[in-house]
Amino acid sequence: MQKVFEFLKTHVAHVATVDENGNPQTRPFGAVCVYDGKLCLTTGGHNAVYKQLLHNGKIAISSVDDNGMDWFRFDGEAIAFTNDNDKAKSAMLAENPNLKPIYDNTPVVQIFWLKGIAKFVDIMGNAKETITL
């Protein structure tokens, strides 16, 4: 998991979710943290991605390294923290202080942890490493 965290911490990733009509929706994400041994991302309750992940937790994430020849892919689900969300939010803001002005006073900030398969692949799609989260 640490390799996935380090990669996503230093690269913008594109997150795909499913909207209420079953259509894919993508947007860039740039903040991750590790909390309770889980890789996490965050969003505010005002965002469509928040509603989409609560309704249908299916998620795909992709990114590319700086040379454009190696890719990262994740397929799985995003699971909302319930009891520990405030502690997970604190961990997220500590890891990503640039989010504090956005989420410090936002009424609903949800942390989701990722469960699924992460792959580092070459440009031809050949798996170089597979990591279960």
N, C-alpha and C. Protein backbone atom coordinates (compact mmCIF):
# COMPACT_ATOMS: atom_id res chain seq x y z
N MET A 1 0.82 -1.20 0.00
CA MET A 1 0.00 0.00 0.00
C MET A 1 0.86 1.25 0.00
N GLN A 2 1.99 1.21 0.65
CA GLN A 2 2.84 2.40 0.75
C GLN A 2 3.26 2.90 -0.63
N LYS A 3 3.56 1.98 -1.55
CA LYS A 3 3.95 2.38 -2.90
C LYS A 3 2.81 3.12 -3.60
N VAL A 4 1.60 2.64 -3.43
CA VAL A 4 0.43 3.30 -4.02
C VAL A 4 0.26 4.69 -3.42
N PHE A 5 0.36 4.79 -2.11
CA PHE A 5 0.25 6.08 -1.43
C PHE A 5 1.30 7.06 -1.95
N GLU A 6 2.56 6.63 -2.01
CA GLU A 6 3.64 7.51 -2.45
C GLU A 6 3.42 7.97 -3.89
N PHE A 7 2.95 7.08 -4.74
CA PHE A 7 2.70 7.45 -6.13
C PHE A 7 1.58 8.48 -6.22
N LEU A 8 0.45 8.20 -5.56
CA LEU A 8 -0.70 9.12 -5.64
C LEU A 8 -0.41 10.44 -4.94
N LYS A 9 0.45 10.43 -3.95
CA LYS A 9 0.80 11.66 -3.24
C LYS A 9 1.55 12.63 -4.16
N THR A 10 2.25 12.09 -5.15
CA THR A 10 3.09 12.93 -6.01
C THR A 10 2.58 13.06 -7.45
N HIS A 11 1.43 12.49 -7.73
CA HIS A 11 0.86 12.57 -9.08
C HIS A 11 -0.64 12.86 -9.00
N VAL A 12 -1.12 13.68 -9.90
CA VAL A 12 -2.56 13.90 -9.99
C VAL A 12 -3.18 12.63 -10.56
N ALA A 13 -4.25 12.20 -9.94
CA ALA A 13 -4.97 11.01 -10.40
C ALA A 13 -6.35 11.41 -10.88
N HIS A 14 -6.88 10.65 -11.79
CA HIS A 14 -8.24 10.88 -12.28
C HIS A 14 -9.13 9.80 -11.70
N VAL A 15 -10.17 10.25 -11.01
CA VAL A 15 -11.08 9.37 -10.30
C VAL A 15 -12.38 9.27 -11.09
N ALA A 16 -12.80 8.04 -11.35
CA ALA A 16 -14.05 7.80 -12.06
C ALA A 16 -15.06 7.18 -11.11
N THR A 17 -16.27 7.71 -11.14
CA THR A 17 -17.39 7.18 -10.37
C THR A 17 -18.57 6.98 -11.33
N VAL A 18 -19.68 6.53 -10.78
CA VAL A 18 -20.89 6.29 -11.58
C VAL A 18 -21.98 7.22 -11.07
N ASP A 19 -22.59 7.99 -11.99
CA ASP A 19 -23.65 8.90 -11.55
C ASP A 19 -24.99 8.17 -11.43
N GLU A 20 -26.02 8.91 -11.05
CA GLU A 20 -27.34 8.31 -10.80
C GLU A 20 -27.98 7.71 -12.04
N ASN A 21 -27.48 8.06 -13.24
CA ASN A 21 -28.00 7.49 -14.48
C ASN A 21 -27.12 6.36 -15.01
N GLY A 22 -26.11 5.97 -14.23
CA GLY A 22 -25.22 4.90 -14.64
C GLY A 22 -24.09 5.33 -15.55
N ASN A 23 -23.91 6.65 -15.70
CA ASN A 23 -22.87 7.17 -16.57
C ASN A 23 -21.58 7.40 -15.80
N PRO A 24 -20.43 7.16 -16.44
CA PRO A 24 -19.16 7.42 -15.77
C PRO A 24 -18.92 8.93 -15.65
N GLN A 25 -18.33 9.31 -14.52
CA GLN A 25 -17.97 10.70 -14.27
C GLN A 25 -16.52 10.71 -13.78
N THR A 26 -15.70 11.59 -14.32
CA THR A 26 -14.30 11.66 -13.89
C THR A 26 -13.94 13.06 -13.44
N ARG A 27 -12.95 13.10 -12.56
CA ARG A 27 -12.41 14.36 -12.11
C ARG A 27 -11.03 14.11 -11.52
N PRO A 28 -10.15 15.13 -11.56
CA PRO A 28 -8.83 14.94 -10.97
C PRO A 28 -8.89 15.02 -9.44
N PHE A 29 -8.06 14.23 -8.80
CA PHE A 29 -7.88 14.26 -7.35
C PHE A 29 -6.39 14.39 -7.08
N GLY A 30 -6.04 15.09 -6.03
CA GLY A 30 -4.62 15.25 -5.72
C GLY A 30 -4.29 15.06 -4.26
N ALA A 31 -5.22 14.55 -3.46
CA ALA A 31 -4.97 14.40 -2.03
C ALA A 31 -5.33 12.99 -1.57
N VAL A 32 -4.40 12.37 -0.88
CA VAL A 32 -4.62 11.06 -0.28
C VAL A 32 -3.98 11.06 1.10
N CYS A 33 -4.37 10.09 1.91
CA CYS A 33 -3.69 9.86 3.18
C CYS A 33 -3.85 8.40 3.54
N VAL A 34 -3.10 7.98 4.53
CA VAL A 34 -3.27 6.65 5.10
C VAL A 34 -3.82 6.86 6.51
N TYR A 35 -4.93 6.21 6.79
CA TYR A 35 -5.52 6.26 8.12
C TYR A 35 -5.95 4.85 8.50
N ASP A 36 -5.60 4.42 9.67
CA ASP A 36 -5.98 3.11 10.19
C ASP A 36 -5.57 1.99 9.22
N GLY A 37 -4.42 2.17 8.58
CA GLY A 37 -3.92 1.17 7.64
C GLY A 37 -4.63 1.13 6.31
N LYS A 38 -5.43 2.15 6.03
CA LYS A 38 -6.21 2.18 4.79
C LYS A 38 -5.84 3.41 3.97
N LEU A 39 -5.78 3.26 2.65
CA LEU A 39 -5.56 4.38 1.75
C LEU A 39 -6.87 5.13 1.58
N CYS A 40 -6.83 6.45 1.75
CA CYS A 40 -8.06 7.25 1.80
C CYS A 40 -8.02 8.43 0.84
N LEU A 41 -9.21 8.85 0.42
CA LEU A 41 -9.40 10.11 -0.28
C LEU A 41 -10.58 10.83 0.36
N THR A 42 -10.76 12.09 0.00
CA THR A 42 -11.80 12.89 0.65
C THR A 42 -12.59 13.72 -0.35
N THR A 43 -13.78 14.10 0.06
CA THR A 43 -14.59 15.03 -0.71
C THR A 43 -15.59 15.70 0.24
N GLY A 44 -16.07 16.84 -0.18
CA GLY A 44 -17.08 17.55 0.60
C GLY A 44 -18.48 17.10 0.22
N GLY A 45 -19.41 17.25 1.16
CA GLY A 45 -20.78 16.84 0.93
C GLY A 45 -21.49 17.63 -0.16
N HIS A 46 -20.91 18.74 -0.57
CA HIS A 46 -21.51 19.57 -1.62
C HIS A 46 -21.15 19.08 -3.03
N ASN A 47 -20.21 18.13 -3.13
CA ASN A 47 -19.75 17.66 -4.44
C ASN A 47 -20.56 16.46 -4.94
N ALA A 48 -20.71 16.38 -6.25
CA ALA A 48 -21.42 15.25 -6.86
C ALA A 48 -20.72 13.93 -6.54
N VAL A 49 -19.39 13.94 -6.48
CA VAL A 49 -18.65 12.70 -6.21
C VAL A 49 -19.04 12.13 -4.84
N TYR A 50 -19.32 12.98 -3.88
CA TYR A 50 -19.77 12.55 -2.55
C TYR A 50 -21.06 11.73 -2.68
N LYS A 51 -22.03 12.28 -3.37
CA LYS A 51 -23.31 11.60 -3.54
C LYS A 51 -23.15 10.31 -4.34
N GLN A 52 -22.31 10.37 -5.38
CA GLN A 52 -22.10 9.19 -6.22
C GLN A 52 -21.46 8.05 -5.45
N LEU A 53 -20.47 8.36 -4.63
CA LEU A 53 -19.80 7.30 -3.87
C LEU A 53 -20.69 6.73 -2.77
N LEU A 54 -21.53 7.55 -2.19
CA LEU A 54 -22.46 7.02 -1.19
C LEU A 54 -23.50 6.11 -1.84
N HIS A 55 -23.95 6.49 -3.03
CA HIS A 55 -24.97 5.72 -3.74
C HIS A 55 -24.40 4.44 -4.35
N ASN A 56 -23.24 4.55 -4.96
CA ASN A 56 -22.60 3.42 -5.64
C ASN A 56 -21.10 3.58 -5.43
N GLY A 57 -20.53 2.78 -4.56
CA GLY A 57 -19.13 2.94 -4.18
C GLY A 57 -18.11 2.51 -5.22
N LYS A 58 -18.56 2.08 -6.40
CA LYS A 58 -17.60 1.66 -7.43
C LYS A 58 -16.74 2.85 -7.84
N ILE A 59 -15.43 2.58 -7.94
CA ILE A 59 -14.50 3.65 -8.26
C ILE A 59 -13.34 3.09 -9.08
N ALA A 60 -12.86 3.90 -9.99
CA ALA A 60 -11.64 3.59 -10.74
C ALA A 60 -10.75 4.82 -10.67
N ILE A 61 -9.46 4.58 -10.57
CA ILE A 61 -8.50 5.67 -10.48
C ILE A 61 -7.38 5.37 -11.47
N SER A 62 -6.93 6.39 -12.18
CA SER A 62 -5.79 6.21 -13.07
C SER A 62 -4.88 7.42 -13.00
N SER A 63 -3.63 7.16 -13.28
CA SER A 63 -2.62 8.22 -13.31
C SER A 63 -1.47 7.73 -14.18
N VAL A 64 -0.56 8.63 -14.47
CA VAL A 64 0.60 8.30 -15.29
C VAL A 64 1.83 8.92 -14.64
N ASP A 65 2.97 8.23 -14.76
CA ASP A 65 4.17 8.79 -14.17
C ASP A 65 4.72 9.92 -15.04
N ASP A 66 5.76 10.54 -14.57
CA ASP A 66 6.29 11.73 -15.23
C ASP A 66 6.82 11.46 -16.63
N ASN A 67 7.28 10.25 -16.91
CA ASN A 67 7.81 9.97 -18.24
C ASN A 67 6.72 9.53 -19.22
N GLY A 68 5.50 9.34 -18.72
CA GLY A 68 4.38 8.97 -19.57
C GLY A 68 4.38 7.52 -20.03
N MET A 69 5.33 6.74 -19.55
CA MET A 69 5.46 5.36 -20.01
C MET A 69 4.90 4.34 -19.02
N ASP A 70 4.72 4.73 -17.79
CA ASP A 70 4.20 3.83 -16.77
C ASP A 70 2.92 4.41 -16.19
N TRP A 71 1.94 3.55 -16.01
CA TRP A 71 0.62 3.97 -15.57
C TRP A 71 0.28 3.34 -14.25
N PHE A 72 -0.69 3.95 -13.59
CA PHE A 72 -1.27 3.41 -12.37
C PHE A 72 -2.76 3.23 -12.61
N ARG A 73 -3.29 2.10 -12.16
CA ARG A 73 -4.73 1.85 -12.27
C ARG A 73 -5.24 1.24 -10.96
N PHE A 74 -6.42 1.66 -10.58
CA PHE A 74 -7.09 1.07 -9.42
C PHE A 74 -8.53 0.81 -9.79
N ASP A 75 -9.02 -0.36 -9.46
CA ASP A 75 -10.43 -0.71 -9.63
C ASP A 75 -10.92 -1.30 -8.32
N GLY A 76 -12.02 -0.77 -7.82
CA GLY A 76 -12.55 -1.30 -6.58
C GLY A 76 -13.71 -0.48 -6.07
N GLU A 77 -13.70 -0.30 -4.75
CA GLU A 77 -14.78 0.47 -4.15
C GLU A 77 -14.22 1.46 -3.13
N ALA A 78 -14.96 2.53 -2.95
CA ALA A 78 -14.66 3.54 -1.94
C ALA A 78 -15.70 3.37 -0.83
N ILE A 79 -15.23 3.18 0.37
CA ILE A 79 -16.10 2.89 1.51
C ILE A 79 -16.01 4.05 2.50
N ALA A 80 -17.14 4.61 2.85
CA ALA A 80 -17.18 5.77 3.74
C ALA A 80 -16.84 5.35 5.17
N PHE A 81 -15.95 6.13 5.79
CA PHE A 81 -15.75 5.96 7.23
C PHE A 81 -17.01 6.46 7.92
N THR A 82 -17.43 5.77 8.94
CA THR A 82 -18.60 6.22 9.70
C THR A 82 -18.17 6.66 11.09
N ASN A 83 -17.82 5.73 11.95
CA ASN A 83 -17.47 6.08 13.33
C ASN A 83 -16.21 6.91 13.45
N ASP A 84 -15.22 6.66 12.59
CA ASP A 84 -13.92 7.33 12.68
C ASP A 84 -13.76 8.48 11.69
N ASN A 85 -14.82 8.97 11.09
CA ASN A 85 -14.66 9.97 10.04
C ASN A 85 -13.94 11.22 10.54
N ASP A 86 -14.22 11.69 11.74
CA ASP A 86 -13.55 12.90 12.24
C ASP A 86 -12.05 12.67 12.41
N LYS A 87 -11.66 11.51 12.91
CA LYS A 87 -10.24 11.20 13.06
C LYS A 87 -9.58 11.04 11.68
N ALA A 88 -10.28 10.41 10.76
CA ALA A 88 -9.76 10.25 9.40
C ALA A 88 -9.62 11.62 8.73
N LYS A 89 -10.58 12.51 8.96
CA LYS A 89 -10.51 13.87 8.41
C LYS A 89 -9.28 14.59 8.98
N SER A 90 -9.01 14.45 10.25
CA SER A 90 -7.84 15.08 10.85
C SER A 90 -6.56 14.55 10.21
N ALA A 91 -6.50 13.25 9.96
CA ALA A 91 -5.34 12.66 9.30
C ALA A 91 -5.18 13.20 7.88
N MET A 92 -6.30 13.34 7.16
CA MET A 92 -6.27 13.85 5.79
C MET A 92 -5.76 15.29 5.78
N LEU A 93 -6.26 16.12 6.69
CA LEU A 93 -5.85 17.53 6.71
C LEU A 93 -4.40 17.68 7.18
N ALA A 94 -3.95 16.80 8.05
CA ALA A 94 -2.55 16.83 8.47
C ALA A 94 -1.62 16.46 7.31
N GLU A 95 -2.02 15.48 6.51
CA GLU A 95 -1.21 15.04 5.38
C GLU A 95 -1.29 16.04 4.22
N ASN A 96 -2.41 16.75 4.11
CA ASN A 96 -2.65 17.67 2.98
C ASN A 96 -3.09 19.02 3.52
N PRO A 97 -2.17 19.79 4.11
CA PRO A 97 -2.56 21.06 4.73
C PRO A 97 -3.18 22.06 3.75
N ASN A 98 -2.93 21.87 2.45
CA ASN A 98 -3.55 22.75 1.45
C ASN A 98 -5.07 22.61 1.42
N LEU A 99 -5.60 21.53 1.99
CA LEU A 99 -7.05 21.33 2.03
C LEU A 99 -7.73 22.06 3.18
N LYS A 100 -6.95 22.50 4.17
CA LYS A 100 -7.54 23.12 5.36
C LYS A 100 -8.43 24.32 5.02
N PRO A 101 -8.00 25.23 4.14
CA PRO A 101 -8.91 26.35 3.84
C PRO A 101 -10.22 25.92 3.19
N ILE A 102 -10.20 24.79 2.52
CA ILE A 102 -11.40 24.30 1.84
C ILE A 102 -12.30 23.53 2.80
N TYR A 103 -11.70 22.62 3.58
CA TYR A 103 -12.50 21.67 4.35
C TYR A 103 -12.54 21.91 5.85
N ASP A 104 -11.77 22.85 6.37
CA ASP A 104 -11.78 23.08 7.81
C ASP A 104 -13.16 23.45 8.33
N ASN A 105 -13.89 24.26 7.58
CA ASN A 105 -15.21 24.72 8.03
C ASN A 105 -16.36 24.23 7.16
N THR A 106 -16.08 23.24 6.31
CA THR A 106 -17.14 22.66 5.49
C THR A 106 -17.98 21.73 6.37
N PRO A 107 -19.31 21.89 6.36
CA PRO A 107 -20.15 21.10 7.26
C PRO A 107 -20.02 19.60 7.09
N VAL A 108 -19.93 19.12 5.83
CA VAL A 108 -19.83 17.68 5.59
C VAL A 108 -18.55 17.42 4.80
N VAL A 109 -17.63 16.75 5.45
CA VAL A 109 -16.40 16.28 4.80
C VAL A 109 -16.34 14.78 5.02
N GLN A 110 -16.32 14.04 3.95
CA GLN A 110 -16.34 12.59 4.07
C GLN A 110 -15.01 12.00 3.61
N ILE A 111 -14.49 11.09 4.41
CA ILE A 111 -13.30 10.34 4.05
C ILE A 111 -13.74 8.95 3.61
N PHE A 112 -13.24 8.54 2.47
CA PHE A 112 -13.51 7.21 1.92
C PHE A 112 -12.21 6.43 1.89
N TRP A 113 -12.28 5.15 2.26
CA TRP A 113 -11.10 4.30 2.12
C TRP A 113 -11.29 3.38 0.93
N LEU A 114 -10.17 3.00 0.34
CA LEU A 114 -10.19 2.26 -0.91
C LEU A 114 -9.96 0.77 -0.68
N LYS A 115 -10.78 -0.02 -1.31
CA LYS A 115 -10.66 -1.48 -1.26
C LYS A 115 -10.72 -2.00 -2.69
N GLY A 116 -9.69 -2.71 -3.10
CA GLY A 116 -9.67 -3.24 -4.46
C GLY A 116 -8.26 -3.58 -4.91
N ILE A 117 -8.05 -3.56 -6.22
CA ILE A 117 -6.79 -3.96 -6.82
C ILE A 117 -6.13 -2.75 -7.49
N ALA A 118 -4.89 -2.49 -7.08
CA ALA A 118 -4.08 -1.44 -7.69
C ALA A 118 -3.03 -2.10 -8.56
N LYS A 119 -2.80 -1.53 -9.73
CA LYS A 119 -1.79 -2.09 -10.64
C LYS A 119 -0.91 -0.98 -11.17
N PHE A 120 0.37 -1.26 -11.21
CA PHE A 120 1.32 -0.44 -11.93
C PHE A 120 1.58 -1.19 -13.23
N VAL A 121 1.35 -0.52 -14.36
CA VAL A 121 1.45 -1.16 -15.66
C VAL A 121 2.30 -0.33 -16.60
N ASP A 122 2.85 -1.00 -17.63
CA ASP A 122 3.59 -0.24 -18.63
C ASP A 122 2.61 0.30 -19.67
N ILE A 123 3.10 1.06 -20.60
CA ILE A 123 2.25 1.73 -21.59
C ILE A 123 1.46 0.73 -22.45
N MET A 124 1.93 -0.52 -22.51
CA MET A 124 1.24 -1.54 -23.27
C MET A 124 0.20 -2.28 -22.44
N GLY A 125 0.06 -1.88 -21.15
CA GLY A 125 -0.92 -2.51 -20.28
C GLY A 125 -0.43 -3.73 -19.54
N ASN A 126 0.85 -4.05 -19.69
CA ASN A 126 1.42 -5.20 -19.00
C ASN A 126 1.65 -4.88 -17.54
N ALA A 127 1.13 -5.72 -16.67
CA ALA A 127 1.25 -5.48 -15.23
C ALA A 127 2.70 -5.62 -14.79
N LYS A 128 3.17 -4.60 -14.08
CA LYS A 128 4.51 -4.65 -13.48
C LYS A 128 4.41 -5.03 -12.02
N GLU A 129 3.33 -4.59 -11.38
CA GLU A 129 3.10 -4.91 -9.97
C GLU A 129 1.62 -4.78 -9.66
N THR A 130 1.09 -5.72 -8.90
CA THR A 130 -0.31 -5.70 -8.47
C THR A 130 -0.34 -5.69 -6.96
N ILE A 131 -1.15 -4.78 -6.40
CA ILE A 131 -1.23 -4.61 -4.95
C ILE A 131 -2.70 -4.64 -4.55
N THR A 132 -3.03 -5.46 -3.59
CA THR A 132 -4.40 -5.53 -3.08
C THR A 132 -4.54 -4.54 -1.93
N LEU A 133 -5.51 -3.67 -2.03
CA LEU A 133 -5.80 -2.73 -0.95
C LEU A 133 -7.02 -3.19 -0.19
